[in-house]
Amino acid sequence: MTKMKIELHKSVEKFLDRLPLKQKSRLAKAIFKLPQGDNVPLTGFKGKFRLRVGGWRIVWVYQDYGILVVEIDNRGDAYRK
């Protein structure tokens, strides 16, 4: 299995910078294992997938070059946008 290139949207980078180290580390480990994990296509959002990491949701899409992480939010707010 070849490793896919993973990029973070600018807003995701800023969000991770504001988190405590323990949470940031947990999310980073999950992100860099994509597309492995508890991934599910999002209903109503063509091409978007979500990964559950505890109470957090990581929303990502496949791109030509690999994977782009477009959003990280807590469980209750991740699907309201």
Protein backbone atom coordinates (compact mmCIF):
# COMPACT_ATOMS: atom_id res chain seq x y z
CA MET A 1 0.00 0.00 0.00
CA THR A 2 1.41 3.35 -1.02
CA LYS A 3 1.24 6.28 1.36
CA MET A 4 -1.12 9.04 0.23
CA LYS A 5 -0.18 12.70 0.51
CA ILE A 6 -2.24 14.36 3.24
CA GLU A 7 -2.80 18.11 3.40
CA LEU A 8 -4.59 20.22 5.98
CA HIS A 9 -6.81 23.15 5.10
CA LYS A 10 -5.51 26.41 6.59
CA SER A 11 -8.45 26.59 9.03
CA VAL A 12 -7.65 23.05 10.25
CA GLU A 13 -4.03 24.03 10.90
CA LYS A 14 -5.16 27.05 12.95
CA PHE A 15 -7.66 24.92 14.87
CA LEU A 16 -5.01 22.33 15.76
CA ASP A 17 -2.61 25.06 16.91
CA ARG A 18 -5.13 26.18 19.54
CA LEU A 19 -5.66 22.71 21.05
CA PRO A 20 -3.85 21.30 24.07
CA LEU A 21 -0.91 19.06 23.16
CA LYS A 22 -2.63 15.82 24.18
CA GLN A 23 -5.68 16.42 21.97
CA LYS A 24 -3.56 17.73 19.11
CA SER A 25 -1.38 14.62 19.22
CA ARG A 26 -4.38 12.27 19.23
CA LEU A 27 -5.97 14.00 16.23
CA ALA A 28 -2.67 14.21 14.32
CA LYS A 29 -2.08 10.47 14.71
CA ALA A 30 -5.54 9.73 13.31
CA ILE A 31 -5.13 12.20 10.42
CA PHE A 32 -1.85 10.76 9.25
CA LYS A 33 -3.28 7.24 9.21
CA LEU A 34 -6.01 8.27 6.74
CA PRO A 35 -7.77 6.64 4.94
CA GLN A 36 -7.66 3.96 7.65
CA GLY A 37 -10.04 4.14 10.58
CA ASP A 38 -13.75 4.57 11.17
CA ASN A 39 -14.43 6.45 7.91
CA VAL A 40 -17.96 6.93 6.62
CA PRO A 41 -19.16 8.88 3.57
CA LEU A 42 -21.21 11.90 4.67
CA THR A 43 -24.81 11.77 3.50
CA GLY A 44 -25.73 14.86 1.52
CA PHE A 45 -22.10 15.93 1.02
CA LYS A 46 -20.85 14.26 -2.14
CA GLY A 47 -17.23 13.19 -1.86
CA LYS A 48 -16.81 14.03 1.82
CA PHE A 49 -15.91 11.48 4.48
CA ARG A 50 -15.74 11.67 8.24
CA LEU A 51 -13.43 10.01 10.71
CA ARG A 52 -14.46 9.66 14.35
CA VAL A 53 -11.78 10.28 16.97
CA GLY A 54 -13.46 10.22 20.36
CA GLY A 55 -15.75 13.25 20.51
CA TRP A 56 -14.10 14.85 17.47
CA ARG A 57 -15.02 14.52 13.81
CA ILE A 58 -12.47 14.93 11.04
CA VAL A 59 -14.02 15.73 7.65
CA TRP A 60 -11.89 15.00 4.60
CA VAL A 61 -12.05 14.56 0.81
CA TYR A 62 -10.03 12.72 -1.81
CA GLN A 63 -8.10 15.02 -4.16
CA ASP A 64 -6.01 14.27 -7.25
CA TYR A 65 -2.86 14.37 -5.14
CA GLY A 66 -4.17 12.51 -2.07
CA ILE A 67 -6.33 13.60 0.87
CA LEU A 68 -7.35 17.07 2.03
CA VAL A 69 -8.61 17.48 5.62
CA VAL A 70 -11.20 20.25 5.37
CA GLU A 71 -12.62 20.44 8.89
CA ILE A 72 -12.26 19.25 12.47
CA ASP A 73 -15.05 19.91 14.93
CA ASN A 74 -16.65 18.40 17.97
CA ARG A 75 -19.31 15.74 17.46
CA GLY A 76 -22.31 18.02 17.94
CA ASP A 77 -21.20 20.82 15.61
CA ALA A 78 -19.44 19.00 12.79
CA TYR A 79 -22.51 18.43 10.59
CA ARG A 80 -24.37 21.71 11.08
CA LYS A 81 -22.63 23.65 8.33
